[in-house]
Structure formats: structure tokens, C-alpha cells
Amino acid sequence: MSDQDLPARQRPNANYSLSNPDDKKVSDENLNFRYSRERRLAGAPKSVQDLYNEPAKNRFGIFGPLVADKPRRILFFVIVFLCLLIWALFLLGFFETSYSLEGNKIEVSGISVDDNTIIRIKKTKGNSDVYTGAVDIAVSPVMQDETENYPVFFHRVFFSFEQEEEYRFAVPFGSGELLMVFQTDAQKSSLQIRFKPD
């Protein structure tokens, strides 16, 4: 039996019309829409209706996102408050590591090496009326018990009219905290500084 003798096969949906001919087009008036945005929004809360009714706004900005909601506002104002507090404390001198001696600004730092301490003194000239001349320095450990004898190291430096000067010297003892006493020539004024070497 050849292929020509077999009956022609039909597709299963040959009896069904799969598309509408042009003369049977359905108009938009006869369509039944089951979704209506207006009817859905009519039952929505007022805040949702306002979102659809308001025109779109340009929301670009720096300050707006920082205070967009309550947690962000709280965080923003806490950060601002802490910055202002640190700035005020700095102006009041709580973070200042310098001292004044007759118009000269003095900064003291030190580093412990074995049983010795290397002390660095930086002097910056202040206003025009500053002290120049010899400055006697006495260094000792901070006393924990007044009955004990503590070593005292004496040193002398000379302040000049230079804008900045730096002095370094070694103290033959180490301690967690040192007391330094600065005294100008002829004992006009003195300054006491306590600091902890690194």
C-alpha cells in the first residue's frame, strides 16, 4: 500500500474556527471589562487615593531623605547634637592638650623606652608679648604615697623669639604618669602639667 492510497489526515481542530474573520470583529462597546481602576480606587483608603490624585513631585534633595521618616529624623538630630557638643567642648578647651606659659603655647608628650622616658616639649610663640629666656623644668613621677621618696629630674631650656621651638630630653626613670613643673627665670610664673607617656 502506497502513501497515495491512505486517506488524508485532518487536524483535530479543523472543525473549529480559531480566528474571527474581518466581518465578525467585536466592537469595544460590547466588551465587558471586569477590572476598573476607578471602582477599585473608590474603595481604597484616603491616603492611597491621594497618592493617585497628587501630581508627581520632584523628590530630589539632600535634606529631605535625611528626615523622611521618624527614625531618620531622630538619628539626624542626634548626630547634629553630638557634633555641636563636641565642637562646644573643643572651644571650651576640654580637648586641648596645650598649656600657656607667659604667652607661649606649650605642648608636652613623652614615650617610655625601657626604664627611661623621652620627653618632647613643643613651644609655639603666642602674641607679641611673650616670655623669652631660661625656663627651669622639674620632672617626677606622680606621687601615690607621700611617705615615699620619688626621684626628681631637673632640666633647663631657653625660649627665644622663634615662632616654633622643640626640645627633647631623656628622664632616667619611667612611670605611668609624670608631673612636670615649668618655672620661668626669676620665678615670675610657674606651670604644672601631668601627662601619661606613650
C-alpha atoms as a PDB file:
ATOM      1  CA  MET A   1       0.000   0.000   0.000  1.00  0.00           C
ATOM      2  CA  SER A   2       1.431   3.349  -1.014  1.00  0.00           C
ATOM      3  CA  ASP A   3       1.096   6.707   0.650  1.00  0.00           C
ATOM      4  CA  GLN A   4      -1.303   7.839  -2.077  1.00  0.00           C
ATOM      5  CA  ASP A   5      -3.825   5.137  -1.109  1.00  0.00           C
ATOM      6  CA  LEU A   6      -4.033   6.318   2.563  1.00  0.00           C
ATOM      7  CA  PRO A   7      -6.881   8.706   3.450  1.00  0.00           C
ATOM      8  CA  ALA A   8      -5.827  12.302   4.071  1.00  0.00           C
ATOM      9  CA  ARG A   9      -5.413  13.076   7.774  1.00  0.00           C
ATOM     10  CA  GLN A  10      -7.188  16.063   9.277  1.00  0.00           C
ATOM     11  CA  ARG A  11      -6.011  18.125  12.164  1.00  0.00           C
ATOM     12  CA  PRO A  12      -8.077  17.628  15.337  1.00  0.00           C
ATOM     13  CA  ASN A  13      -9.407  21.206  15.497  1.00  0.00           C
ATOM     14  CA  ALA A  14     -10.258  21.518  11.810  1.00  0.00           C
ATOM     15  CA  ASN A  15     -13.967  21.935  12.608  1.00  0.00           C
ATOM     16  CA  TYR A  16     -13.379  24.899  14.940  1.00  0.00           C
ATOM     17  CA  SER A  17     -12.894  28.485  13.915  1.00  0.00           C
ATOM     18  CA  LEU A  18      -9.679  29.676  15.534  1.00  0.00           C
ATOM     19  CA  SER A  19      -9.886  33.305  14.467  1.00  0.00           C
ATOM     20  CA  ASN A  20     -12.650  35.728  13.696  1.00  0.00           C
ATOM     21  CA  PRO A  21     -12.983  36.770  10.108  1.00  0.00           C
ATOM     22  CA  ASP A  22     -12.792  40.512   9.462  1.00  0.00           C
ATOM     23  CA  ASP A  23     -16.536  40.841   9.061  1.00  0.00           C
ATOM     24  CA  LYS A  24     -17.152  39.446  12.565  1.00  0.00           C
ATOM     25  CA  LYS A  25     -14.964  41.882  14.560  1.00  0.00           C
ATOM     26  CA  VAL A  26     -16.287  42.713  18.001  1.00  0.00           C
ATOM     27  CA  SER A  27     -16.539  46.405  18.838  1.00  0.00           C
ATOM     28  CA  ASP A  28     -15.149  47.852  22.059  1.00  0.00           C
ATOM     29  CA  GLU A  29     -18.683  48.711  23.195  1.00  0.00           C
ATOM     30  CA  ASN A  30     -19.589  45.033  23.527  1.00  0.00           C
ATOM     31  CA  LEU A  31     -16.540  44.152  25.628  1.00  0.00           C
ATOM     32  CA  ASN A  32     -17.185  43.517  29.306  1.00  0.00           C
ATOM     33  CA  PHE A  33     -14.263  44.786  31.393  1.00  0.00           C
ATOM     34  CA  ARG A  34     -14.094  43.121  34.802  1.00  0.00           C
ATOM     35  CA  TYR A  35     -11.337  45.438  36.120  1.00  0.00           C
ATOM     36  CA  SER A  36     -11.969  49.113  36.707  1.00  0.00           C
ATOM     37  CA  ARG A  37      -9.274  51.259  38.301  1.00  0.00           C
ATOM     38  CA  GLU A  38     -11.772  53.963  39.250  1.00  0.00           C
ATOM     39  CA  ARG A  39     -14.011  51.447  41.041  1.00  0.00           C
ATOM     40  CA  ARG A  40     -11.017  49.911  42.827  1.00  0.00           C
ATOM     41  CA  LEU A  41      -9.723  53.316  43.962  1.00  0.00           C
ATOM     42  CA  ALA A  42     -13.189  54.320  45.185  1.00  0.00           C
ATOM     43  CA  GLY A  43     -12.937  51.636  47.875  1.00  0.00           C
ATOM     44  CA  ALA A  44      -9.279  52.362  48.736  1.00  0.00           C
ATOM     45  CA  PRO A  45      -8.183  54.346  51.813  1.00  0.00           C
ATOM     46  CA  LYS A  46      -7.857  58.136  51.507  1.00  0.00           C
ATOM     47  CA  SER A  47      -4.030  58.008  51.643  1.00  0.00           C
ATOM     48  CA  VAL A  48      -3.981  55.692  48.588  1.00  0.00           C
ATOM     49  CA  GLN A  49      -6.445  57.920  46.726  1.00  0.00           C
ATOM     50  CA  ASP A  50      -4.257  60.955  47.485  1.00  0.00           C
ATOM     51  CA  LEU A  51      -1.233  59.192  46.002  1.00  0.00           C
ATOM     52  CA  TYR A  52      -3.062  58.765  42.691  1.00  0.00           C
ATOM     53  CA  ASN A  53      -4.620  62.236  42.702  1.00  0.00           C
ATOM     54  CA  GLU A  54      -1.491  64.263  43.553  1.00  0.00           C
ATOM     55  CA  PRO A  55       0.784  65.248  40.704  1.00  0.00           C
ATOM     56  CA  ALA A  56       4.229  63.678  40.715  1.00  0.00           C
ATOM     57  CA  LYS A  57       6.735  65.752  42.687  1.00  0.00           C
ATOM     58  CA  ASN A  58      10.432  66.102  42.132  1.00  0.00           C
ATOM     59  CA  ARG A  59      11.799  64.422  45.265  1.00  0.00           C
ATOM     60  CA  PHE A  60      15.474  65.105  44.672  1.00  0.00           C
ATOM     61  CA  GLY A  61      17.201  66.744  47.608  1.00  0.00           C
ATOM     62  CA  ILE A  62      19.823  66.263  50.297  1.00  0.00           C
ATOM     63  CA  PHE A  63      17.937  67.249  53.425  1.00  0.00           C
ATOM     64  CA  GLY A  64      14.631  65.561  52.530  1.00  0.00           C
ATOM     65  CA  PRO A  65      15.842  61.927  52.627  1.00  0.00           C
ATOM     66  CA  LEU A  66      17.666  62.586  55.916  1.00  0.00           C
ATOM     67  CA  VAL A  67      14.416  63.474  57.692  1.00  0.00           C
ATOM     68  CA  ALA A  68      11.949  61.468  55.592  1.00  0.00           C
ATOM     69  CA  ASP A  69      10.554  59.453  58.499  1.00  0.00           C
ATOM     70  CA  LYS A  70      10.694  59.469  62.296  1.00  0.00           C
ATOM     71  CA  PRO A  71      13.717  57.121  62.814  1.00  0.00           C
ATOM     72  CA  ARG A  72      15.783  59.083  60.303  1.00  0.00           C
ATOM     73  CA  ARG A  73      14.801  62.401  61.906  1.00  0.00           C
ATOM     74  CA  ILE A  74      15.834  61.140  65.345  1.00  0.00           C
ATOM     75  CA  LEU A  75      19.165  59.818  64.042  1.00  0.00           C
ATOM     76  CA  PHE A  76      19.858  63.037  62.121  1.00  0.00           C
ATOM     77  CA  PHE A  77      19.179  65.287  65.126  1.00  0.00           C
ATOM     78  CA  VAL A  78      21.248  63.041  67.451  1.00  0.00           C
ATOM     79  CA  ILE A  79      24.216  63.321  65.066  1.00  0.00           C
ATOM     80  CA  VAL A  80      23.798  67.107  64.842  1.00  0.00           C
ATOM     81  CA  PHE A  81      23.556  67.376  68.648  1.00  0.00           C
ATOM     82  CA  LEU A  82      26.721  65.284  69.178  1.00  0.00           C
ATOM     83  CA  CYS A  83      28.654  67.356  66.616  1.00  0.00           C
ATOM     84  CA  LEU A  84      27.611  70.583  68.335  1.00  0.00           C
ATOM     85  CA  LEU A  85      28.501  69.145  71.759  1.00  0.00           C
ATOM     86  CA  ILE A  86      31.986  68.078  70.617  1.00  0.00           C
ATOM     87  CA  TRP A  87      32.520  71.463  68.967  1.00  0.00           C
ATOM     88  CA  ALA A  88      31.475  73.285  72.169  1.00  0.00           C
ATOM     89  CA  LEU A  89      33.738  71.121  74.338  1.00  0.00           C
ATOM     90  CA  PHE A  90      36.613  71.769  71.947  1.00  0.00           C
ATOM     91  CA  LEU A  91      36.041  75.533  72.148  1.00  0.00           C
ATOM     92  CA  LEU A  92      35.913  75.354  75.951  1.00  0.00           C
ATOM     93  CA  GLY A  93      39.297  73.614  75.959  1.00  0.00           C
ATOM     94  CA  PHE A  94      38.349  70.122  77.151  1.00  0.00           C
ATOM     95  CA  PHE A  95      40.244  68.509  74.258  1.00  0.00           C
ATOM     96  CA  GLU A  96      43.099  70.981  74.338  1.00  0.00           C
ATOM     97  CA  THR A  97      46.471  69.371  75.029  1.00  0.00           C
ATOM     98  CA  SER A  98      48.381  72.639  75.095  1.00  0.00           C
ATOM     99  CA  TYR A  99      49.123  74.947  78.009  1.00  0.00           C
ATOM    100  CA  SER A 100      50.077  78.593  78.251  1.00  0.00           C
ATOM    101  CA  LEU A 101      53.166  79.985  79.945  1.00  0.00           C
ATOM    102  CA  GLU A 102      53.517  83.759  79.737  1.00  0.00           C
ATOM    103  CA  GLY A 103      52.182  83.992  76.187  1.00  0.00           C
ATOM    104  CA  ASN A 104      53.877  80.821  74.929  1.00  0.00           C
ATOM    105  CA  LYS A 105      51.793  77.798  73.974  1.00  0.00           C
ATOM    106  CA  ILE A 106      53.363  74.577  75.277  1.00  0.00           C
ATOM    107  CA  GLU A 107      52.582  71.005  74.214  1.00  0.00           C
ATOM    108  CA  VAL A 108      54.129  68.076  76.115  1.00  0.00           C
ATOM    109  CA  SER A 109      54.371  64.445  75.050  1.00  0.00           C
ATOM    110  CA  GLY A 110      56.592  61.554  76.008  1.00  0.00           C
ATOM    111  CA  ILE A 111      57.483  57.979  75.202  1.00  0.00           C
ATOM    112  CA  SER A 112      58.770  55.294  77.547  1.00  0.00           C
ATOM    113  CA  VAL A 113      61.852  53.376  76.457  1.00  0.00           C
ATOM    114  CA  ASP A 114      62.985  50.642  78.865  1.00  0.00           C
ATOM    115  CA  ASP A 115      63.316  52.408  82.235  1.00  0.00           C
ATOM    116  CA  ASN A 116      63.711  55.867  80.707  1.00  0.00           C
ATOM    117  CA  THR A 117      61.258  58.421  79.392  1.00  0.00           C
ATOM    118  CA  ILE A 118      61.974  60.666  76.416  1.00  0.00           C
ATOM    119  CA  ILE A 119      60.058  63.940  76.802  1.00  0.00           C
ATOM    120  CA  ARG A 120      59.215  66.227  73.889  1.00  0.00           C
ATOM    121  CA  ILE A 121      58.240  69.843  74.500  1.00  0.00           C
ATOM    122  CA  LYS A 122      56.913  71.968  71.643  1.00  0.00           C
ATOM    123  CA  LYS A 123      56.778  75.713  72.232  1.00  0.00           C
ATOM    124  CA  THR A 124      54.741  77.968  69.941  1.00  0.00           C
ATOM    125  CA  LYS A 125      55.005  81.718  70.192  1.00  0.00           C
ATOM    126  CA  GLY A 126      51.680  83.331  71.056  1.00  0.00           C
ATOM    127  CA  ASN A 127      51.041  87.059  70.940  1.00  0.00           C
ATOM    128  CA  SER A 128      53.749  89.695  70.695  1.00  0.00           C
ATOM    129  CA  ASP A 129      54.185  89.983  74.481  1.00  0.00           C
ATOM    130  CA  VAL A 130      55.790  86.598  75.212  1.00  0.00           C
ATOM    131  CA  TYR A 131      58.417  85.409  77.637  1.00  0.00           C
ATOM    132  CA  THR A 132      61.908  84.714  76.346  1.00  0.00           C
ATOM    133  CA  GLY A 133      64.722  83.375  78.435  1.00  0.00           C
ATOM    134  CA  ALA A 134      65.528  80.438  80.693  1.00  0.00           C
ATOM    135  CA  VAL A 135      62.810  78.026  81.815  1.00  0.00           C
ATOM    136  CA  ASP A 136      63.575  75.527  84.581  1.00  0.00           C
ATOM    137  CA  ILE A 137      61.780  72.179  84.359  1.00  0.00           C
ATOM    138  CA  ALA A 138      61.382  69.628  87.144  1.00  0.00           C
ATOM    139  CA  VAL A 139      60.064  66.137  86.303  1.00  0.00           C
ATOM    140  CA  SER A 140      58.986  63.461  88.773  1.00  0.00           C
ATOM    141  CA  PRO A 141      56.575  60.540  88.900  1.00  0.00           C
ATOM    142  CA  VAL A 142      53.121  61.335  90.236  1.00  0.00           C
ATOM    143  CA  MET A 143      53.093  60.556  93.966  1.00  0.00           C
ATOM    144  CA  GLN A 144      50.843  57.715  95.033  1.00  0.00           C
ATOM    145  CA  ASP A 145      52.165  57.624  98.596  1.00  0.00           C
ATOM    146  CA  GLU A 146      53.567  60.814 100.079  1.00  0.00           C
ATOM    147  CA  THR A 147      55.804  58.937 102.532  1.00  0.00           C
ATOM    148  CA  GLU A 148      57.986  57.538  99.737  1.00  0.00           C
ATOM    149  CA  ASN A 149      60.843  59.444  98.136  1.00  0.00           C
ATOM    150  CA  TYR A 150      60.466  59.943  94.409  1.00  0.00           C
ATOM    151  CA  PRO A 151      63.257  60.897  92.024  1.00  0.00           C
ATOM    152  CA  VAL A 152      63.177  64.421  90.625  1.00  0.00           C
ATOM    153  CA  PHE A 153      64.904  65.334  87.370  1.00  0.00           C
ATOM    154  CA  PHE A 154      65.855  68.959  86.654  1.00  0.00           C
ATOM    155  CA  HIS A 155      66.403  70.440  83.213  1.00  0.00           C
ATOM    156  CA  ARG A 156      66.697  73.929  81.732  1.00  0.00           C
ATOM    157  CA  VAL A 157      65.660  75.189  78.288  1.00  0.00           C
ATOM    158  CA  PHE A 158      65.765  78.643  76.717  1.00  0.00           C
ATOM    159  CA  PHE A 159      62.775  80.194  74.934  1.00  0.00           C
ATOM    160  CA  SER A 160      63.666  82.527  72.079  1.00  0.00           C
ATOM    161  CA  PHE A 161      61.659  84.711  69.696  1.00  0.00           C
ATOM    162  CA  GLU A 162      61.328  81.856  67.189  1.00  0.00           C
ATOM    163  CA  GLN A 163      57.735  81.078  66.213  1.00  0.00           C
ATOM    164  CA  GLU A 164      58.142  77.361  66.995  1.00  0.00           C
ATOM    165  CA  GLU A 165      60.782  75.525  69.018  1.00  0.00           C
ATOM    166  CA  GLU A 166      61.083  71.907  70.034  1.00  0.00           C
ATOM    167  CA  TYR A 167      63.037  70.474  72.938  1.00  0.00           C
ATOM    168  CA  ARG A 168      63.744  66.823  73.729  1.00  0.00           C
ATOM    169  CA  PHE A 169      65.445  65.300  76.719  1.00  0.00           C
ATOM    170  CA  ALA A 170      65.566  61.948  78.492  1.00  0.00           C
ATOM    171  CA  VAL A 171      64.456  61.351  82.059  1.00  0.00           C
ATOM    172  CA  PRO A 172      66.271  58.470  83.842  1.00  0.00           C
ATOM    173  CA  PHE A 173      63.083  56.856  85.165  1.00  0.00           C
ATOM    174  CA  GLY A 174      59.791  55.613  83.836  1.00  0.00           C
ATOM    175  CA  SER A 175      56.311  55.987  85.266  1.00  0.00           C
ATOM    176  CA  GLY A 176      52.709  55.605  84.180  1.00  0.00           C
ATOM    177  CA  GLU A 177      52.124  59.303  84.855  1.00  0.00           C
ATOM    178  CA  LEU A 178      54.606  62.145  85.207  1.00  0.00           C
ATOM    179  CA  LEU A 179      54.397  65.558  86.835  1.00  0.00           C
ATOM    180  CA  MET A 180      56.255  68.443  85.200  1.00  0.00           C
ATOM    181  CA  VAL A 181      56.747  71.896  86.723  1.00  0.00           C
ATOM    182  CA  PHE A 182      57.828  74.764  84.476  1.00  0.00           C
ATOM    183  CA  GLN A 183      59.267  77.888  86.109  1.00  0.00           C
ATOM    184  CA  THR A 184      60.442  80.984  84.318  1.00  0.00           C
ATOM    185  CA  ASP A 185      63.605  82.865  85.219  1.00  0.00           C
ATOM    186  CA  ALA A 186      63.404  84.944  88.412  1.00  0.00           C
ATOM    187  CA  GLN A 187      60.377  82.803  89.388  1.00  0.00           C
ATOM    188  CA  LYS A 188      57.880  85.106  87.710  1.00  0.00           C
ATOM    189  CA  SER A 189      55.374  82.356  86.981  1.00  0.00           C
ATOM    190  CA  SER A 190      55.111  78.569  87.011  1.00  0.00           C
ATOM    191  CA  LEU A 191      53.058  75.873  85.315  1.00  0.00           C
ATOM    192  CA  GLN A 192      52.268  72.301  86.419  1.00  0.00           C
ATOM    193  CA  ILE A 193      51.449  69.602  83.850  1.00  0.00           C
ATOM    194  CA  ARG A 194      50.509  65.967  84.425  1.00  0.00           C
ATOM    195  CA  PHE A 195      50.723  63.639  81.444  1.00  0.00           C
ATOM    196  CA  LYS A 196      50.988  59.961  80.629  1.00  0.00           C
ATOM    197  CA  PRO A 197      53.852  58.869  78.372  1.00  0.00           C
ATOM    198  CA  ASP A 198      53.041  56.525  75.499  1.00  0.00           C
END
